[in-house]
Amino acid sequence: MASMSITPDRDAISARFISRHLPSRYFKHWLNPDKCCIVGAGWRLSLHESDVRTGGKWRSAGEGGDSGKFTVAGEYLEVDSPRLLVYSWVASWAGNVRTTVRWELEASSKGTLVRLRHSGLAAHPEVAQSYRGWPRMLGWLQAFIEKGETIEMRKPLSA
């Protein structure tokens, strides 16, 4: 399971875990969320568009959870496959506040250290609350890659 921390200034949420798989496998699946697992039971993507290059745009839409229909979109700020992916993040359920998500995938003798940092939250403390689910999502991603666990295999989230 991923560990999570919040910076003292409350501007960023960081999560991390170690996997036995190569960085390229994580990078590939993160860019294809409809083929993977990064939404939870009760959540479904109906659209995912992605132009994976610095300056390229991305957008996902679907429905589920307490918010009903949702969209999340942004622009790729840095792309260095399979090591680094940085993009802006604007989510409909969070009042369309623009924040930044940074993925770092570092190969080691034990596999891959997967690090995520979601920043730009200090000015919007109410928005930061909606992003505390990153460790759970990272756990879903890890379970998909390491065990082949799909959304359908997961138990629905309890209320």
C-alpha atoms as a PDB file:
ATOM      1  CA  MET A   1       0.000   0.000   0.000  1.00  0.00           C
ATOM      2  CA  ALA A   2       1.186   3.494  -0.777  1.00  0.00           C
ATOM      3  CA  SER A   3       2.271   5.789   2.027  1.00  0.00           C
ATOM      4  CA  MET A   4       1.066   9.386   1.994  1.00  0.00           C
ATOM      5  CA  SER A   5       2.252  12.645   3.525  1.00  0.00           C
ATOM      6  CA  ILE A   6       1.176  16.264   3.393  1.00  0.00           C
ATOM      7  CA  THR A   7       3.800  19.008   3.284  1.00  0.00           C
ATOM      8  CA  PRO A   8       3.982  21.290   6.364  1.00  0.00           C
ATOM      9  CA  ASP A   9       2.736  24.233   4.284  1.00  0.00           C
ATOM     10  CA  ARG A  10      -0.227  22.057   3.170  1.00  0.00           C
ATOM     11  CA  ASP A  11       0.566  22.796  -0.479  1.00  0.00           C
ATOM     12  CA  ALA A  12       1.230  19.223  -1.610  1.00  0.00           C
ATOM     13  CA  ILE A  13       0.178  15.646  -1.055  1.00  0.00           C
ATOM     14  CA  SER A  14       2.883  13.049  -1.676  1.00  0.00           C
ATOM     15  CA  ALA A  15       2.419   9.307  -2.014  1.00  0.00           C
ATOM     16  CA  ARG A  16       4.867   6.516  -2.805  1.00  0.00           C
ATOM     17  CA  PHE A  17       5.328   2.772  -3.019  1.00  0.00           C
ATOM     18  CA  ILE A  18       7.827   0.239  -4.369  1.00  0.00           C
ATOM     19  CA  SER A  19       6.883  -2.261  -7.077  1.00  0.00           C
ATOM     20  CA  ARG A  20       8.789  -5.159  -8.572  1.00  0.00           C
ATOM     21  CA  HIS A  21       7.834  -4.080 -12.114  1.00  0.00           C
ATOM     22  CA  LEU A  22       9.700  -1.753 -14.476  1.00  0.00           C
ATOM     23  CA  PRO A  23       8.904   1.972 -14.748  1.00  0.00           C
ATOM     24  CA  SER A  24       7.783   1.556 -18.374  1.00  0.00           C
ATOM     25  CA  ARG A  25       4.900  -0.661 -17.307  1.00  0.00           C
ATOM     26  CA  TYR A  26       3.555   1.971 -14.884  1.00  0.00           C
ATOM     27  CA  PHE A  27       4.057   4.776 -17.375  1.00  0.00           C
ATOM     28  CA  LYS A  28       2.121   2.903 -20.072  1.00  0.00           C
ATOM     29  CA  HIS A  29      -0.837   2.073 -17.837  1.00  0.00           C
ATOM     30  CA  TRP A  30      -1.056   5.529 -16.306  1.00  0.00           C
ATOM     31  CA  LEU A  31      -1.467   6.968 -19.802  1.00  0.00           C
ATOM     32  CA  ASN A  32      -4.250   4.474 -20.631  1.00  0.00           C
ATOM     33  CA  PRO A  33      -6.589   4.684 -17.630  1.00  0.00           C
ATOM     34  CA  ASP A  34      -9.568   3.155 -19.452  1.00  0.00           C
ATOM     35  CA  LYS A  35      -7.476  -0.002 -19.970  1.00  0.00           C
ATOM     36  CA  CYS A  36      -6.338  -0.051 -16.384  1.00  0.00           C
ATOM     37  CA  CYS A  37      -7.682   0.511 -12.970  1.00  0.00           C
ATOM     38  CA  ILE A  38      -7.159   4.055 -11.811  1.00  0.00           C
ATOM     39  CA  VAL A  39     -10.794   4.668 -11.169  1.00  0.00           C
ATOM     40  CA  GLY A  40     -12.488   2.743  -8.416  1.00  0.00           C
ATOM     41  CA  ALA A  41     -15.433   0.467  -8.095  1.00  0.00           C
ATOM     42  CA  GLY A  42     -18.511   2.557  -8.749  1.00  0.00           C
ATOM     43  CA  TRP A  43     -16.565   4.940 -10.986  1.00  0.00           C
ATOM     44  CA  ARG A  44     -16.449   4.554 -14.775  1.00  0.00           C
ATOM     45  CA  LEU A  45     -14.562   6.452 -17.454  1.00  0.00           C
ATOM     46  CA  SER A  46     -16.584   7.164 -20.578  1.00  0.00           C
ATOM     47  CA  LEU A  47     -13.885   9.266 -22.266  1.00  0.00           C
ATOM     48  CA  HIS A  48     -10.119   9.546 -22.169  1.00  0.00           C
ATOM     49  CA  GLU A  49      -8.194  11.675 -24.672  1.00  0.00           C
ATOM     50  CA  SER A  50      -4.478  12.266 -24.416  1.00  0.00           C
ATOM     51  CA  ASP A  51      -1.821  13.966 -26.544  1.00  0.00           C
ATOM     52  CA  VAL A  52       1.254  12.800 -24.624  1.00  0.00           C
ATOM     53  CA  ARG A  53       3.882  15.446 -25.317  1.00  0.00           C
ATOM     54  CA  THR A  54       4.976  18.578 -23.520  1.00  0.00           C
ATOM     55  CA  GLY A  55       2.205  21.109 -24.229  1.00  0.00           C
ATOM     56  CA  GLY A  56      -0.248  18.357 -25.221  1.00  0.00           C
ATOM     57  CA  LYS A  57      -3.714  18.297 -23.675  1.00  0.00           C
ATOM     58  CA  TRP A  58      -5.496  15.452 -21.898  1.00  0.00           C
ATOM     59  CA  ARG A  59      -9.056  14.957 -20.684  1.00  0.00           C
ATOM     60  CA  SER A  60     -11.070  12.253 -18.968  1.00  0.00           C
ATOM     61  CA  ALA A  61     -14.786  12.135 -18.193  1.00  0.00           C
ATOM     62  CA  GLY A  62     -17.108   9.669 -16.570  1.00  0.00           C
ATOM     63  CA  GLU A  63     -19.465   9.199 -13.687  1.00  0.00           C
ATOM     64  CA  GLY A  64     -19.515   7.796 -10.223  1.00  0.00           C
ATOM     65  CA  GLY A  65     -18.947   8.534  -6.589  1.00  0.00           C
ATOM     66  CA  ASP A  66     -20.784  11.300  -4.774  1.00  0.00           C
ATOM     67  CA  SER A  67     -20.262  13.812  -7.564  1.00  0.00           C
ATOM     68  CA  GLY A  68     -22.168  12.029 -10.357  1.00  0.00           C
ATOM     69  CA  LYS A  69     -20.662  13.042 -13.686  1.00  0.00           C
ATOM     70  CA  PHE A  70     -17.113  14.337 -13.629  1.00  0.00           C
ATOM     71  CA  THR A  71     -14.407  15.698 -15.898  1.00  0.00           C
ATOM     72  CA  VAL A  72     -10.727  16.110 -15.226  1.00  0.00           C
ATOM     73  CA  ALA A  73      -8.370  17.704 -17.728  1.00  0.00           C
ATOM     74  CA  GLY A  74      -5.064  19.450 -18.121  1.00  0.00           C
ATOM     75  CA  GLU A  75      -1.884  19.929 -20.075  1.00  0.00           C
ATOM     76  CA  TYR A  76       1.329  17.905 -20.042  1.00  0.00           C
ATOM     77  CA  LEU A  77       4.071  20.124 -18.604  1.00  0.00           C
ATOM     78  CA  GLU A  78       6.956  17.592 -18.722  1.00  0.00           C
ATOM     79  CA  VAL A  79       7.129  14.183 -20.391  1.00  0.00           C
ATOM     80  CA  ASP A  80      10.238  12.030 -20.033  1.00  0.00           C
ATOM     81  CA  SER A  81       9.070   8.447 -20.616  1.00  0.00           C
ATOM     82  CA  PRO A  82       9.269   6.249 -18.595  1.00  0.00           C
ATOM     83  CA  ARG A  83      10.827   8.325 -15.813  1.00  0.00           C
ATOM     84  CA  LEU A  84       8.771  11.491 -15.356  1.00  0.00           C
ATOM     85  CA  LEU A  85       5.302  12.814 -16.117  1.00  0.00           C
ATOM     86  CA  VAL A  86       4.103  16.235 -14.935  1.00  0.00           C
ATOM     87  CA  TYR A  87       0.731  17.695 -15.857  1.00  0.00           C
ATOM     88  CA  SER A  88      -1.800  20.279 -14.793  1.00  0.00           C
ATOM     89  CA  TRP A  89      -4.973  18.939 -13.200  1.00  0.00           C
ATOM     90  CA  VAL A  90      -8.382  20.643 -13.282  1.00  0.00           C
ATOM     91  CA  ALA A  91     -11.217  18.547 -11.813  1.00  0.00           C
ATOM     92  CA  SER A  92     -14.898  19.417 -11.991  1.00  0.00           C
ATOM     93  CA  TRP A  93     -15.567  18.027  -8.495  1.00  0.00           C
ATOM     94  CA  ALA A  94     -12.928  20.357  -7.024  1.00  0.00           C
ATOM     95  CA  GLY A  95     -14.308  23.626  -8.364  1.00  0.00           C
ATOM     96  CA  ASN A  96     -12.091  23.593 -11.476  1.00  0.00           C
ATOM     97  CA  VAL A  97      -9.054  24.752  -9.472  1.00  0.00           C
ATOM     98  CA  ARG A  98      -5.785  24.219 -11.399  1.00  0.00           C
ATOM     99  CA  THR A  99      -3.160  22.148  -9.571  1.00  0.00           C
ATOM    100  CA  THR A 100      -0.139  20.102 -10.679  1.00  0.00           C
ATOM    101  CA  VAL A 101       0.507  16.354 -10.530  1.00  0.00           C
ATOM    102  CA  ARG A 102       4.048  14.974 -10.792  1.00  0.00           C
ATOM    103  CA  TRP A 103       4.857  11.264 -11.270  1.00  0.00           C
ATOM    104  CA  GLU A 104       8.413  10.036 -10.810  1.00  0.00           C
ATOM    105  CA  LEU A 105       9.300   6.430 -11.618  1.00  0.00           C
ATOM    106  CA  GLU A 106      12.754   5.427 -10.428  1.00  0.00           C
ATOM    107  CA  ALA A 107      14.233   2.016 -11.241  1.00  0.00           C
ATOM    108  CA  SER A 108      16.144   0.344  -8.438  1.00  0.00           C
ATOM    109  CA  SER A 109      17.466  -3.117  -7.595  1.00  0.00           C
ATOM    110  CA  LYS A 110      14.107  -3.806  -5.896  1.00  0.00           C
ATOM    111  CA  GLY A 111      12.020  -2.728  -8.923  1.00  0.00           C
ATOM    112  CA  THR A 112      10.452   0.703  -9.243  1.00  0.00           C
ATOM    113  CA  LEU A 113       9.944   3.459  -6.703  1.00  0.00           C
ATOM    114  CA  VAL A 114       6.683   5.152  -7.752  1.00  0.00           C
ATOM    115  CA  ARG A 115       6.317   8.700  -6.383  1.00  0.00           C
ATOM    116  CA  LEU A 116       3.387  11.031  -6.860  1.00  0.00           C
ATOM    117  CA  ARG A 117       3.179  14.668  -5.759  1.00  0.00           C
ATOM    118  CA  HIS A 118      -0.004  16.710  -6.175  1.00  0.00           C
ATOM    119  CA  SER A 119       0.789  20.385  -5.497  1.00  0.00           C
ATOM    120  CA  GLY A 120      -0.817  23.800  -5.637  1.00  0.00           C
ATOM    121  CA  LEU A 121      -3.268  23.015  -2.857  1.00  0.00           C
ATOM    122  CA  ALA A 122      -2.345  25.561  -0.131  1.00  0.00           C
ATOM    123  CA  ALA A 123      -4.503  28.323  -1.604  1.00  0.00           C
ATOM    124  CA  HIS A 124      -7.479  25.949  -1.714  1.00  0.00           C
ATOM    125  CA  PRO A 125      -7.622  23.885   1.511  1.00  0.00           C
ATOM    126  CA  GLU A 126     -11.160  22.730   0.746  1.00  0.00           C
ATOM    127  CA  VAL A 127      -9.909  21.280  -2.542  1.00  0.00           C
ATOM    128  CA  ALA A 128      -7.011  19.454  -0.871  1.00  0.00           C
ATOM    129  CA  GLN A 129      -9.512  17.302   1.042  1.00  0.00           C
ATOM    130  CA  SER A 130     -10.800  15.833  -2.237  1.00  0.00           C
ATOM    131  CA  TYR A 131      -7.348  14.534  -3.178  1.00  0.00           C
ATOM    132  CA  ARG A 132      -6.627  12.410  -0.109  1.00  0.00           C
ATOM    133  CA  GLY A 133      -7.620   9.335  -2.152  1.00  0.00           C
ATOM    134  CA  TRP A 134      -4.315   9.208  -4.072  1.00  0.00           C
ATOM    135  CA  PRO A 135      -2.862   6.327  -1.974  1.00  0.00           C
ATOM    136  CA  ARG A 136      -5.981   4.243  -2.645  1.00  0.00           C
ATOM    137  CA  MET A 137      -5.722   4.962  -6.383  1.00  0.00           C
ATOM    138  CA  LEU A 138      -2.020   4.072  -6.354  1.00  0.00           C
ATOM    139  CA  GLY A 139      -2.949   0.823  -4.615  1.00  0.00           C
ATOM    140  CA  TRP A 140      -5.414   0.079  -7.437  1.00  0.00           C
ATOM    141  CA  LEU A 141      -2.734   0.767 -10.020  1.00  0.00           C
ATOM    142  CA  GLN A 142      -0.247  -1.466  -8.201  1.00  0.00           C
ATOM    143  CA  ALA A 143      -2.821  -4.283  -7.824  1.00  0.00           C
ATOM    144  CA  PHE A 144      -3.617  -4.095 -11.545  1.00  0.00           C
ATOM    145  CA  ILE A 145       0.008  -4.235 -12.639  1.00  0.00           C
ATOM    146  CA  GLU A 146       1.213  -6.789 -10.110  1.00  0.00           C
ATOM    147  CA  LYS A 147      -1.835  -9.076  -9.840  1.00  0.00           C
ATOM    148  CA  GLY A 148      -3.996  -8.245 -12.868  1.00  0.00           C
ATOM    149  CA  GLU A 149      -6.776  -6.990 -10.586  1.00  0.00           C
ATOM    150  CA  THR A 150      -9.393  -5.083 -12.592  1.00  0.00           C
ATOM    151  CA  ILE A 151     -12.131  -2.680 -11.513  1.00  0.00           C
ATOM    152  CA  GLU A 152     -14.689  -5.483 -11.788  1.00  0.00           C
ATOM    153  CA  MET A 153     -12.710  -7.653  -9.376  1.00  0.00           C
ATOM    154  CA  ARG A 154     -12.640  -4.947  -6.686  1.00  0.00           C
ATOM    155  CA  LYS A 155     -15.257  -4.747  -3.977  1.00  0.00           C
ATOM    156  CA  PRO A 156     -17.377  -1.561  -4.102  1.00  0.00           C
ATOM    157  CA  LEU A 157     -16.268   1.210  -1.770  1.00  0.00           C
ATOM    158  CA  SER A 158     -18.259   1.362   1.437  1.00  0.00           C
ATOM    159  CA  ALA A 159     -20.274   4.463   2.130  1.00  0.00           C
END
